[in-house]
PDB file of N, CA and C in Angstrom:
ATOM      1  N   UNK A   1       9.047 212.825 -80.142  1.00  0.00           N
ATOM      2  CA  UNK A   1       7.739 213.213 -80.612  1.00  0.00           C
ATOM      3  C   UNK A   1       7.277 214.552 -80.024  1.00  0.00           C
ATOM      4  N   UNK A   2       7.644 214.922 -78.820  1.00  0.00           N
ATOM      5  CA  UNK A   2       7.089 216.172 -78.293  1.00  0.00           C
ATOM      6  C   UNK A   2       7.708 217.430 -78.904  1.00  0.00           C
ATOM      7  N   UNK A   3       8.883 217.340 -79.481  1.00  0.00           N
ATOM      8  CA  UNK A   3       9.555 218.560 -79.938  1.00  0.00           C
ATOM      9  C   UNK A   3       8.836 219.288 -81.068  1.00  0.00           C
ATOM     10  N   UNK A   4       8.281 218.615 -82.058  1.00  0.00           N
ATOM     11  CA  UNK A   4       7.508 219.380 -83.057  1.00  0.00           C
ATOM     12  C   UNK A   4       6.319 220.123 -82.449  1.00  0.00           C
ATOM     13  N   UNK A   5       5.666 219.503 -81.461  1.00  0.00           N
ATOM     14  CA  UNK A   5       4.547 220.179 -80.809  1.00  0.00           C
ATOM     15  C   UNK A   5       5.020 221.367 -79.982  1.00  0.00           C
ATOM     16  N   UNK A   6       6.162 221.207 -79.321  1.00  0.00           N
ATOM     17  CA  UNK A   6       6.726 222.316 -78.542  1.00  0.00           C
ATOM     18  C   UNK A   6       7.077 223.476 -79.464  1.00  0.00           C
ATOM     19  N   UNK A   7       7.701 223.178 -80.605  1.00  0.00           N
ATOM     20  CA  UNK A   7       8.059 224.232 -81.552  1.00  0.00           C
ATOM     21  C   UNK A   7       6.823 224.890 -82.156  1.00  0.00           C
ATOM     22  N   UNK A   8       5.792 224.102 -82.439  1.00  0.00           N
ATOM     23  CA  UNK A   8       4.553 224.667 -82.955  1.00  0.00           C
ATOM     24  C   UNK A   8       3.897 225.582 -81.922  1.00  0.00           C
ATOM     25  N   UNK A   9       3.865 225.156 -80.668  1.00  0.00           N
ATOM     26  CA  UNK A   9       3.329 225.990 -79.601  1.00  0.00           C
ATOM     27  C   UNK A   9       4.159 227.243 -79.374  1.00  0.00           C
ATOM     28  N   UNK A  10       5.486 227.122 -79.470  1.00  0.00           N
ATOM     29  CA  UNK A  10       6.357 228.287 -79.308  1.00  0.00           C
ATOM     30  C   UNK A  10       6.140 229.289 -80.439  1.00  0.00           C
ATOM     31  N   UNK A  11       5.970 228.796 -81.650  1.00  0.00           N
ATOM     32  CA  UNK A  11       5.699 229.698 -82.773  1.00  0.00           C
ATOM     33  C   UNK A  11       4.383 230.435 -82.571  1.00  0.00           C
ATOM     34  N   UNK A  12       3.384 229.750 -82.055  1.00  0.00           N
ATOM     35  CA  UNK A  12       2.104 230.392 -81.776  1.00  0.00           C
ATOM     36  C   UNK A  12       2.250 231.431 -80.662  1.00  0.00           C
ATOM     37  N   UNK A  13       3.036 231.107 -79.634  1.00  0.00           N
ATOM     38  CA  UNK A  13       3.252 232.051 -78.533  1.00  0.00           C
ATOM     39  C   UNK A  13       4.006 233.293 -79.013  1.00  0.00           C
ATOM     40  N   UNK A  14       4.988 233.112 -79.879  1.00  0.00           N
ATOM     41  CA  UNK A  14       5.718 234.260 -80.418  1.00  0.00           C
ATOM     42  C   UNK A  14       4.792 235.117 -81.270  1.00  0.00           C
ATOM     43  N   UNK A  15       3.903 234.479 -82.005  1.00  0.00           N
ATOM     44  CA  UNK A  15       2.948 235.206 -82.822  1.00  0.00           C
ATOM     45  C   UNK A  15       2.012 236.050 -81.961  1.00  0.00           C
ATOM     46  N   UNK A  16       1.700 235.567 -80.763  1.00  0.00           N
ATOM     47  CA  UNK A  16       0.799 236.295 -79.860  1.00  0.00           C
ATOM     48  C   UNK A  16       1.502 237.309 -78.974  1.00  0.00           C
ATOM     49  N   UNK A  17       2.818 237.339 -78.972  1.00  0.00           N
ATOM     50  CA  UNK A  17       3.584 238.118 -77.991  1.00  0.00           C
ATOM     51  C   UNK A  17       3.233 239.601 -77.981  1.00  0.00           C
ATOM     52  N   UNK A  18       2.987 240.198 -79.101  1.00  0.00           N
ATOM     53  CA  UNK A  18       2.785 241.637 -79.107  1.00  0.00           C
ATOM     54  C   UNK A  18       1.343 242.088 -79.123  1.00  0.00           C
ATOM     55  N   UNK A  19       0.405 241.192 -79.163  1.00  0.00           N
ATOM     56  CA  UNK A  19      -0.975 241.603 -79.358  1.00  0.00           C
ATOM     57  C   UNK A  19      -1.906 241.250 -78.225  1.00  0.00           C
ATOM     58  N   UNK A  20      -3.170 241.357 -78.541  1.00  0.00           N
ATOM     59  CA  UNK A  20      -4.218 241.039 -77.588  1.00  0.00           C
ATOM     60  C   UNK A  20      -4.428 239.525 -77.501  1.00  0.00           C
ATOM     61  N   UNK A  21      -5.380 239.150 -76.676  1.00  0.00           N
ATOM     62  CA  UNK A  21      -5.730 237.744 -76.524  1.00  0.00           C
ATOM     63  C   UNK A  21      -6.400 237.268 -77.809  1.00  0.00           C
ATOM     64  N   UNK A  22      -5.952 236.136 -78.309  1.00  0.00           N
ATOM     65  CA  UNK A  22      -6.508 235.571 -79.532  1.00  0.00           C
ATOM     66  C   UNK A  22      -7.819 234.856 -79.207  1.00  0.00           C
ATOM     67  N   UNK A  23      -8.878 235.220 -79.910  1.00  0.00           N
ATOM     68  CA  UNK A  23     -10.178 234.605 -79.676  1.00  0.00           C
ATOM     69  C   UNK A  23     -10.228 233.158 -80.167  1.00  0.00           C
ATOM     70  N   UNK A  24      -9.285 232.773 -81.017  1.00  0.00           N
ATOM     71  CA  UNK A  24      -9.238 231.418 -81.554  1.00  0.00           C
ATOM     72  C   UNK A  24      -8.333 230.508 -80.731  1.00  0.00           C
ATOM     73  N   UNK A  25      -7.810 230.972 -79.619  1.00  0.00           N
ATOM     74  CA  UNK A  25      -6.886 230.177 -78.793  1.00  0.00           C
ATOM     75  C   UNK A  25      -7.495 228.845 -78.335  1.00  0.00           C
ATOM     76  N   UNK A  26      -8.756 228.780 -77.926  1.00  0.00           N
ATOM     77  CA  UNK A  26      -9.314 227.475 -77.548  1.00  0.00           C
ATOM     78  C   UNK A  26      -9.339 226.470 -78.701  1.00  0.00           C
ATOM     79  N   UNK A  27      -9.563 226.945 -79.916  1.00  0.00           N
ATOM     80  CA  UNK A  27      -9.569 226.054 -81.071  1.00  0.00           C
ATOM     81  C   UNK A  27      -8.163 225.517 -81.324  1.00  0.00           C
ATOM     82  N   UNK A  28      -7.162 226.397 -81.204  1.00  0.00           N
ATOM     83  CA  UNK A  28      -5.776 225.950 -81.346  1.00  0.00           C
ATOM     84  C   UNK A  28      -5.416 224.938 -80.262  1.00  0.00           C
ATOM     85  N   UNK A  29      -5.897 225.152 -79.050  1.00  0.00           N
ATOM     86  CA  UNK A  29      -5.615 224.204 -77.962  1.00  0.00           C
ATOM     87  C   UNK A  29      -6.204 222.832 -78.265  1.00  0.00           C
ATOM     88  N   UNK A  30      -7.431 222.813 -78.744  1.00  0.00           N
ATOM     89  CA  UNK A  30      -8.054 221.539 -79.123  1.00  0.00           C
ATOM     90  C   UNK A  30      -7.316 220.862 -80.263  1.00  0.00           C
ATOM     91  N   UNK A  31      -6.849 221.653 -81.221  1.00  0.00           N
ATOM     92  CA  UNK A  31      -6.098 221.089 -82.346  1.00  0.00           C
ATOM     93  C   UNK A  31      -4.760 220.537 -81.885  1.00  0.00           C
ATOM     94  N   UNK A  32      -4.057 221.256 -81.005  1.00  0.00           N
ATOM     95  CA  UNK A  32      -2.785 220.756 -80.468  1.00  0.00           C
ATOM     96  C   UNK A  32      -2.998 219.441 -79.718  1.00  0.00           C
ATOM     97  N   UNK A  33      -4.052 219.368 -78.928  1.00  0.00           N
ATOM     98  CA  UNK A  33      -4.338 218.145 -78.183  1.00  0.00           C
ATOM     99  C   UNK A  33      -4.633 216.985 -79.130  1.00  0.00           C
ATOM    100  N   UNK A  34      -5.444 217.234 -80.150  1.00  0.00           N
ATOM    101  CA  UNK A  34      -5.767 216.178 -81.104  1.00  0.00           C
ATOM    102  C   UNK A  34      -4.531 215.720 -81.867  1.00  0.00           C
ATOM    103  N   UNK A  35      -3.687 216.653 -82.286  1.00  0.00           N
ATOM    104  CA  UNK A  35      -2.462 216.299 -83.000  1.00  0.00           C
ATOM    105  C   UNK A  35      -1.558 215.458 -82.114  1.00  0.00           C
ATOM    106  N   UNK A  36      -1.406 215.847 -80.861  1.00  0.00           N
ATOM    107  CA  UNK A  36      -0.545 215.093 -79.944  1.00  0.00           C
ATOM    108  C   UNK A  36      -1.087 213.689 -79.709  1.00  0.00           C
ATOM    109  N   UNK A  37      -2.367 213.574 -79.466  1.00  0.00           N
ATOM    110  CA  UNK A  37      -2.958 212.255 -79.224  1.00  0.00           C
ATOM    111  C   UNK A  37      -2.845 211.349 -80.447  1.00  0.00           C
ATOM    112  N   UNK A  38      -3.120 211.903 -81.624  1.00  0.00           N
ATOM    113  CA  UNK A  38      -3.044 211.094 -82.840  1.00  0.00           C
ATOM    114  C   UNK A  38      -1.605 210.676 -83.150  1.00  0.00           C
ATOM    115  N   UNK A  39      -0.658 211.556 -82.892  1.00  0.00           N
ATOM    116  CA  UNK A  39       0.734 211.198 -83.185  1.00  0.00           C
ATOM    117  C   UNK A  39       1.239 210.128 -82.223  1.00  0.00           C
ATOM    118  N   UNK A  40       0.893 210.226 -80.954  1.00  0.00           N
ATOM    119  CA  UNK A  40       1.315 209.175 -80.015  1.00  0.00           C
ATOM    120  C   UNK A  40       0.570 207.866 -80.273  1.00  0.00           C
ATOM    121  N   UNK A  41      -0.651 207.953 -80.740  1.00  0.00           N
ATOM    122  CA  UNK A  41      -1.397 206.745 -81.091  1.00  0.00           C
ATOM    123  C   UNK A  41      -0.737 206.047 -82.277  1.00  0.00           C
ATOM    124  N   UNK A  42      -0.260 206.833 -83.239  1.00  0.00           N
ATOM    125  CA  UNK A  42       0.414 206.219 -84.388  1.00  0.00           C
ATOM    126  C   UNK A  42       1.695 205.517 -83.961  1.00  0.00           C
ATOM    127  N   UNK A  43       2.367 206.037 -82.943  1.00  0.00           N
ATOM    128  CA  UNK A  43       3.562 205.352 -82.430  1.00  0.00           C
ATOM    129  C   UNK A  43       3.197 204.054 -81.725  1.00  0.00           C
ATOM    130  N   UNK A  44       2.066 204.046 -81.027  1.00  0.00           N
ATOM    131  CA  UNK A  44       1.635 202.832 -80.347  1.00  0.00           C
ATOM    132  C   UNK A  44       1.284 201.722 -81.326  1.00  0.00           C
ATOM    133  N   UNK A  45       0.773 202.100 -82.499  1.00  0.00           N
ATOM    134  CA  UNK A  45       0.355 201.103 -83.480  1.00  0.00           C
ATOM    135  C   UNK A  45       1.521 200.582 -84.321  1.00  0.00           C
ATOM    136  N   UNK A  46       2.685 201.202 -84.187  1.00  0.00           N
ATOM    137  CA  UNK A  46       3.837 200.773 -84.967  1.00  0.00           C
ATOM    138  C   UNK A  46       4.237 199.353 -84.569  1.00  0.00           C
ATOM    139  N   UNK A  47       4.423 198.518 -85.562  1.00  0.00           N
ATOM    140  CA  UNK A  47       4.875 197.163 -85.306  1.00  0.00           C
ATOM    141  C   UNK A  47       3.762 196.159 -85.085  1.00  0.00           C
ATOM    142  N   UNK A  48       2.541 196.595 -84.911  1.00  0.00           N
ATOM    143  CA  UNK A  48       1.431 195.670 -84.709  1.00  0.00           C
ATOM    144  C   UNK A  48       0.738 195.439 -86.045  1.00  0.00           C
ATOM    145  N   UNK A  49       0.432 194.203 -86.322  1.00  0.00           N
ATOM    146  CA  UNK A  49      -0.172 193.867 -87.612  1.00  0.00           C
ATOM    147  C   UNK A  49      -1.654 194.214 -87.645  1.00  0.00           C
ATOM    148  N   UNK A  50      -2.324 194.082 -86.524  1.00  0.00           N
ATOM    149  CA  UNK A  50      -3.758 194.345 -86.504  1.00  0.00           C
ATOM    150  C   UNK A  50      -4.145 194.983 -85.178  1.00  0.00           C
ATOM    151  N   UNK A  51      -5.234 195.670 -85.208  1.00  0.00           N
ATOM    152  CA  UNK A  51      -5.748 196.324 -84.014  1.00  0.00           C
ATOM    153  C   UNK A  51      -7.203 195.902 -83.856  1.00  0.00           C
ATOM    154  N   UNK A  52      -7.645 195.816 -82.642  1.00  0.00           N
ATOM    155  CA  UNK A  52      -9.030 195.435 -82.388  1.00  0.00           C
ATOM    156  C   UNK A  52      -9.938 196.520 -82.969  1.00  0.00           C
ATOM    157  N   UNK A  53     -10.916 196.098 -83.729  1.00  0.00           N
ATOM    158  CA  UNK A  53     -11.750 197.031 -84.481  1.00  0.00           C
ATOM    159  C   UNK A  53     -12.529 197.984 -83.572  1.00  0.00           C
ATOM    160  N   UNK A  54     -13.153 197.472 -82.557  1.00  0.00           N
ATOM    161  CA  UNK A  54     -13.951 198.317 -81.654  1.00  0.00           C
ATOM    162  C   UNK A  54     -13.068 199.252 -80.843  1.00  0.00           C
ATOM    163  N   UNK A  55     -11.859 198.806 -80.530  1.00  0.00           N
ATOM    164  CA  UNK A  55     -10.942 199.645 -79.774  1.00  0.00           C
ATOM    165  C   UNK A  55     -10.535 200.871 -80.578  1.00  0.00           C
ATOM    166  N   UNK A  56     -10.357 200.705 -81.873  1.00  0.00           N
ATOM    167  CA  UNK A  56     -10.003 201.828 -82.734  1.00  0.00           C
ATOM    168  C   UNK A  56     -11.109 202.875 -82.737  1.00  0.00           C
ATOM    169  N   UNK A  57     -12.339 202.430 -82.862  1.00  0.00           N
ATOM    170  CA  UNK A  57     -13.459 203.362 -82.866  1.00  0.00           C
ATOM    171  C   UNK A  57     -13.592 204.087 -81.528  1.00  0.00           C
ATOM    172  N   UNK A  58     -13.407 203.352 -80.438  1.00  0.00           N
ATOM    173  CA  UNK A  58     -13.512 203.969 -79.109  1.00  0.00           C
ATOM    174  C   UNK A  58     -12.395 204.977 -78.893  1.00  0.00           C
ATOM    175  N   UNK A  59     -11.186 204.632 -79.308  1.00  0.00           N
ATOM    176  CA  UNK A  59     -10.059 205.544 -79.120  1.00  0.00           C
ATOM    177  C   UNK A  59     -10.234 206.796 -79.965  1.00  0.00           C
ATOM    178  N   UNK A  60     -10.688 206.659 -81.196  1.00  0.00           N
ATOM    179  CA  UNK A  60     -10.926 207.821 -82.051  1.00  0.00           C
ATOM    180  C   UNK A  60     -12.020 208.713 -81.453  1.00  0.00           C
ATOM    181  N   UNK A  61     -13.064 208.106 -80.933  1.00  0.00           N
ATOM    182  CA  UNK A  61     -14.122 208.878 -80.291  1.00  0.00           C
ATOM    183  C   UNK A  61     -13.635 209.609 -79.052  1.00  0.00           C
ATOM    184  N   UNK A  62     -12.766 208.951 -78.292  1.00  0.00           N
ATOM    185  CA  UNK A  62     -12.208 209.594 -77.105  1.00  0.00           C
ATOM    186  C   UNK A  62     -11.337 210.789 -77.477  1.00  0.00           C
ATOM    187  N   UNK A  63     -10.553 210.659 -78.530  1.00  0.00           N
ATOM    188  CA  UNK A  63      -9.708 211.770 -78.965  1.00  0.00           C
ATOM    189  C   UNK A  63     -10.566 212.942 -79.425  1.00  0.00           C
ATOM    190  N   UNK A  64     -11.619 212.668 -80.161  1.00  0.00           N
ATOM    191  CA  UNK A  64     -12.524 213.739 -80.602  1.00  0.00           C
ATOM    192  C   UNK A  64     -13.194 214.392 -79.394  1.00  0.00           C
ATOM    193  N   UNK A  65     -13.635 213.588 -78.432  1.00  0.00           N
ATOM    194  CA  UNK A  65     -14.280 214.145 -77.233  1.00  0.00           C
ATOM    195  C   UNK A  65     -13.306 214.992 -76.421  1.00  0.00           C
ATOM    196  N   UNK A  66     -12.065 214.542 -76.296  1.00  0.00           N
ATOM    197  CA  UNK A  66     -11.063 215.329 -75.572  1.00  0.00           C
ATOM    198  C   UNK A  66     -10.789 216.654 -76.269  1.00  0.00           C
ATOM    199  N   UNK A  67     -10.685 216.626 -77.593  1.00  0.00           N
ATOM    200  CA  UNK A  67     -10.430 217.863 -78.328  1.00  0.00           C
ATOM    201  C   UNK A  67     -11.593 218.837 -78.184  1.00  0.00           C
ATOM    202  N   UNK A  68     -12.820 218.341 -78.288  1.00  0.00           N
ATOM    203  CA  UNK A  68     -13.993 219.205 -78.124  1.00  0.00           C
ATOM    204  C   UNK A  68     -14.079 219.735 -76.699  1.00  0.00           C
ATOM    205  N   UNK A  69     -13.755 218.881 -75.717  1.00  0.00           N
ATOM    206  CA  UNK A  69     -13.729 219.331 -74.324  1.00  0.00           C
ATOM    207  C   UNK A  69     -12.678 220.398 -74.080  1.00  0.00           C
ATOM    208  N   UNK A  70     -11.523 220.256 -74.731  1.00  0.00           N
ATOM    209  CA  UNK A  70     -10.480 221.277 -74.585  1.00  0.00           C
ATOM    210  C   UNK A  70     -10.926 222.604 -75.168  1.00  0.00           C
ATOM    211  N   UNK A  71     -11.601 222.560 -76.310  1.00  0.00           N
ATOM    212  CA  UNK A  71     -12.114 223.785 -76.913  1.00  0.00           C
ATOM    213  C   UNK A  71     -13.170 224.424 -76.009  1.00  0.00           C
ATOM    214  N   UNK A  72     -14.066 223.606 -75.453  1.00  0.00           N
ATOM    215  CA  UNK A  72     -15.110 224.142 -74.571  1.00  0.00           C
ATOM    216  C   UNK A  72     -14.521 224.746 -73.302  1.00  0.00           C
ATOM    217  N   UNK A  73     -13.587 224.026 -72.684  1.00  0.00           N
ATOM    218  CA  UNK A  73     -12.966 224.537 -71.473  1.00  0.00           C
ATOM    219  C   UNK A  73     -12.165 225.806 -71.750  1.00  0.00           C
ATOM    220  N   UNK A  74     -11.462 225.836 -72.869  1.00  0.00           N
ATOM    221  CA  UNK A  74     -10.737 227.047 -73.250  1.00  0.00           C
ATOM    222  C   UNK A  74     -11.667 228.211 -73.505  1.00  0.00           C
ATOM    223  N   UNK A  75     -12.822 227.939 -74.098  1.00  0.00           N
ATOM    224  CA  UNK A  75     -13.804 228.997 -74.323  1.00  0.00           C
ATOM    225  C   UNK A  75     -14.363 229.552 -73.027  1.00  0.00           C
ATOM    226  N   UNK A  76     -14.567 228.668 -72.053  1.00  0.00           N
ATOM    227  CA  UNK A  76     -15.046 229.130 -70.741  1.00  0.00           C
ATOM    228  C   UNK A  76     -14.000 230.009 -70.067  1.00  0.00           C
ATOM    229  N   UNK A  77     -12.749 229.579 -70.137  1.00  0.00           N
ATOM    230  CA  UNK A  77     -11.672 230.391 -69.533  1.00  0.00           C
ATOM    231  C   UNK A  77     -11.547 231.722 -70.258  1.00  0.00           C
ATOM    232  N   UNK A  78     -11.632 231.704 -71.580  1.00  0.00           N
ATOM    233  CA  UNK A  78     -11.552 232.943 -72.350  1.00  0.00           C
ATOM    234  C   UNK A  78     -12.710 233.875 -72.017  1.00  0.00           C
ATOM    235  N   UNK A  79     -13.899 233.320 -71.846  1.00  0.00           N
ATOM    236  CA  UNK A  79     -15.048 234.138 -71.471  1.00  0.00           C
ATOM    237  C   UNK A  79     -14.887 234.697 -70.056  1.00  0.00           C
ATOM    238  N   UNK A  80     -14.296 233.909 -69.166  1.00  0.00           N
ATOM    239  CA  UNK A  80     -14.102 234.380 -67.788  1.00  0.00           C
ATOM    240  C   UNK A  80     -13.093 235.520 -67.727  1.00  0.00           C
ATOM    241  N   UNK A  81     -12.132 235.531 -68.637  1.00  0.00           N
ATOM    242  CA  UNK A  81     -11.145 236.621 -68.620  1.00  0.00           C
ATOM    243  C   UNK A  81     -11.730 237.935 -69.102  1.00  0.00           C
ATOM    244  N   UNK A  82     -12.849 237.888 -69.803  1.00  0.00           N
ATOM    245  CA  UNK A  82     -13.446 239.124 -70.297  1.00  0.00           C
ATOM    246  C   UNK A  82     -14.392 239.776 -69.284  1.00  0.00           C
ATOM    247  N   UNK A  83     -14.666 239.096 -68.177  1.00  0.00           N
ATOM    248  CA  UNK A  83     -15.537 239.668 -67.154  1.00  0.00           C
ATOM    249  C   UNK A  83     -14.820 240.777 -66.399  1.00  0.00           C
ATOM    250  N   UNK A  84     -15.519 241.830 -66.110  1.00  0.00           N
ATOM    251  CA  UNK A  84     -14.974 242.947 -65.340  1.00  0.00           C
ATOM    252  C   UNK A  84     -15.524 242.842 -63.921  1.00  0.00           C
ATOM    253  N   UNK A  85     -14.691 242.308 -63.023  1.00  0.00           N
ATOM    254  CA  UNK A  85     -15.147 242.111 -61.652  1.00  0.00           C
ATOM    255  C   UNK A  85     -14.621 243.159 -60.685  1.00  0.00           C
ATOM    256  N   UNK A  86     -13.745 243.998 -61.130  1.00  0.00           N
ATOM    257  CA  UNK A  86     -13.150 244.972 -60.235  1.00  0.00           C
ATOM    258  C   UNK A  86     -11.885 244.414 -59.622  1.00  0.00           C
ATOM    259  N   UNK A  87     -11.492 244.990 -58.513  1.00  0.00           N
ATOM    260  CA  UNK A  87     -10.274 244.524 -57.850  1.00  0.00           C
ATOM    261  C   UNK A  87     -10.416 244.730 -56.353  1.00  0.00           C
ATOM    262  N   UNK A  88      -9.416 244.327 -55.615  1.00  0.00           N
ATOM    263  CA  UNK A  88      -9.435 244.493 -54.179  1.00  0.00           C
ATOM    264  C   UNK A  88      -8.843 243.292 -53.482  1.00  0.00           C
ATOM    265  N   UNK A  89      -8.697 243.424 -52.190  1.00  0.00           N
ATOM    266  CA  UNK A  89      -8.083 242.378 -51.393  1.00  0.00           C
ATOM    267  C   UNK A  89      -8.967 241.137 -51.339  1.00  0.00           C
ATOM    268  N   UNK A  90     -10.269 241.311 -51.268  1.00  0.00           N
ATOM    269  CA  UNK A  90     -11.164 240.158 -51.197  1.00  0.00           C
ATOM    270  C   UNK A  90     -11.089 239.318 -52.467  1.00  0.00           C
ATOM    271  N   UNK A  91     -11.044 239.970 -53.616  1.00  0.00           N
ATOM    272  CA  UNK A  91     -10.948 239.240 -54.878  1.00  0.00           C
ATOM    273  C   UNK A  91      -9.587 238.551 -55.008  1.00  0.00           C
ATOM    274  N   UNK A  92      -8.522 239.212 -54.577  1.00  0.00           N
ATOM    275  CA  UNK A  92      -7.202 238.577 -54.588  1.00  0.00           C
ATOM    276  C   UNK A  92      -7.166 237.370 -53.655  1.00  0.00           C
ATOM    277  N   UNK A  93      -7.772 237.475 -52.501  1.00  0.00           N
ATOM    278  CA  UNK A  93      -7.826 236.348 -51.566  1.00  0.00           C
ATOM    279  C   UNK A  93      -8.614 235.180 -52.128  1.00  0.00           C
ATOM    280  N   UNK A  94      -9.715 235.487 -52.813  1.00  0.00           N
ATOM    281  CA  UNK A  94     -10.498 234.425 -53.444  1.00  0.00           C
ATOM    282  C   UNK A  94      -9.682 233.725 -54.524  1.00  0.00           C
ATOM    283  N   UNK A  95      -8.882 234.480 -55.259  1.00  0.00           N
ATOM    284  CA  UNK A  95      -8.021 233.885 -56.273  1.00  0.00           C
ATOM    285  C   UNK A  95      -6.966 232.977 -55.674  1.00  0.00           C
ATOM    286  N   UNK A  96      -6.379 233.405 -54.563  1.00  0.00           N
ATOM    287  CA  UNK A  96      -5.379 232.581 -53.879  1.00  0.00           C
ATOM    288  C   UNK A  96      -6.016 231.297 -53.356  1.00  0.00           C
ATOM    289  N   UNK A  97      -7.189 231.400 -52.753  1.00  0.00           N
ATOM    290  CA  UNK A  97      -7.885 230.200 -52.264  1.00  0.00           C
ATOM    291  C   UNK A  97      -8.254 229.254 -53.403  1.00  0.00           C
ATOM    292  N   UNK A  98      -8.661 229.808 -54.532  1.00  0.00           N
ATOM    293  CA  UNK A  98      -8.985 228.959 -55.680  1.00  0.00           C
ATOM    294  C   UNK A  98      -7.744 228.236 -56.195  1.00  0.00           C
ATOM    295  N   UNK A  99      -6.615 228.934 -56.241  1.00  0.00           N
ATOM    296  CA  UNK A  99      -5.366 228.305 -56.691  1.00  0.00           C
ATOM    297  C   UNK A  99      -4.937 227.202 -55.732  1.00  0.00           C
ATOM    298  N   UNK A 100      -5.080 227.426 -54.439  1.00  0.00           N
ATOM    299  CA  UNK A 100      -4.739 226.398 -53.457  1.00  0.00           C
ATOM    300  C   UNK A 100      -5.664 225.191 -53.608  1.00  0.00           C
ATOM    301  N   UNK A 101      -6.943 225.444 -53.856  1.00  0.00           N
ATOM    302  CA  UNK A 101      -7.891 224.352 -54.066  1.00  0.00           C
ATOM    303  C   UNK A 101      -7.554 223.515 -55.293  1.00  0.00           C
ATOM    304  N   UNK A 102      -7.146 224.167 -56.367  1.00  0.00           N
ATOM    305  CA  UNK A 102      -6.765 223.436 -57.579  1.00  0.00           C
ATOM    306  C   UNK A 102      -5.531 222.594 -57.323  1.00  0.00           C
ATOM    307  N   UNK A 103      -4.537 223.158 -56.657  1.00  0.00           N
ATOM    308  CA  UNK A 103      -3.327 222.394 -56.338  1.00  0.00           C
ATOM    309  C   UNK A 103      -3.643 221.199 -55.438  1.00  0.00           C
ATOM    310  N   UNK A 104      -4.555 221.389 -54.495  1.00  0.00           N
ATOM    311  CA  UNK A 104      -4.963 220.293 -53.627  1.00  0.00           C
ATOM    312  C   UNK A 104      -5.639 219.185 -54.423  1.00  0.00           C
ATOM    313  N   UNK A 105      -6.525 219.572 -55.336  1.00  0.00           N
ATOM    314  CA  UNK A 105      -7.217 218.570 -56.172  1.00  0.00           C
ATOM    315  C   UNK A 105      -6.234 217.812 -57.056  1.00  0.00           C
ATOM    316  N   UNK A 106      -5.262 218.516 -57.630  1.00  0.00           N
ATOM    317  CA  UNK A 106      -4.255 217.847 -58.452  1.00  0.00           C
ATOM    318  C   UNK A 106      -3.412 216.905 -57.610  1.00  0.00           C
ATOM    319  N   UNK A 107      -3.075 217.311 -56.396  1.00  0.00           N
ATOM    320  CA  UNK A 107      -2.285 216.442 -55.515  1.00  0.00           C
ATOM    321  C   UNK A 107      -3.077 215.182 -55.141  1.00  0.00           C
ATOM    322  N   UNK A 108      -4.381 215.317 -54.913  1.00  0.00           N
ATOM    323  CA  UNK A 108      -5.213 214.144 -54.608  1.00  0.00           C
ATOM    324  C   UNK A 108      -5.272 213.180 -55.788  1.00  0.00           C
ATOM    325  N   UNK A 109      -5.432 213.716 -56.978  1.00  0.00           N
ATOM    326  CA  UNK A 109      -5.487 212.868 -58.171  1.00  0.00           C
ATOM    327  C   UNK A 109      -4.146 212.181 -58.404  1.00  0.00           C
ATOM    328  N   UNK A 110      -3.056 212.913 -58.210  1.00  0.00           N
ATOM    329  CA  UNK A 110      -1.729 212.323 -58.400  1.00  0.00           C
ATOM    330  C   UNK A 110      -1.430 211.260 -57.341  1.00  0.00           C
ATOM    331  N   UNK A 111      -1.922 211.458 -56.154  1.00  0.00           N
ATOM    332  CA  UNK A 111      -1.663 210.492 -55.085  1.00  0.00           C
ATOM    333  C   UNK A 111      -2.382 209.160 -55.352  1.00  0.00           C
ATOM    334  N   UNK A 112      -3.598 209.243 -55.908  1.00  0.00           N
ATOM    335  CA  UNK A 112      -4.350 208.040 -56.225  1.00  0.00           C
ATOM    336  C   UNK A 112      -3.704 207.248 -57.353  1.00  0.00           C
ATOM    337  N   UNK A 113      -3.106 207.983 -58.283  1.00  0.00           N
ATOM    338  CA  UNK A 113      -2.467 207.312 -59.438  1.00  0.00           C
ATOM    339  C   UNK A 113      -1.177 206.687 -58.974  1.00  0.00           C
TER     340      UNK A 113
END
């Protein structure tokens, strides 16, 4: 199941290779996420005769919320890349500290799981 999504993402990356940042990238990210979630959900439902009615509605709502959240988060990142903050050692150090903080947070979440 992941290979069609990988090929679709690769085609999009090749399309972007020679140009500027695509302003529609967050929308594509949300669409890729929704497509992946819906396709894996269809695999989960294979072989089952019935599904709990309320569970279907909740799962569909969660997929829509995740896709909208991905678009919003992508838009924030895209907006942050357009800021002109200058450069220097202090800004590079802040970037390194932020990256270390993100890795630490991911490690904490992975450890709990």
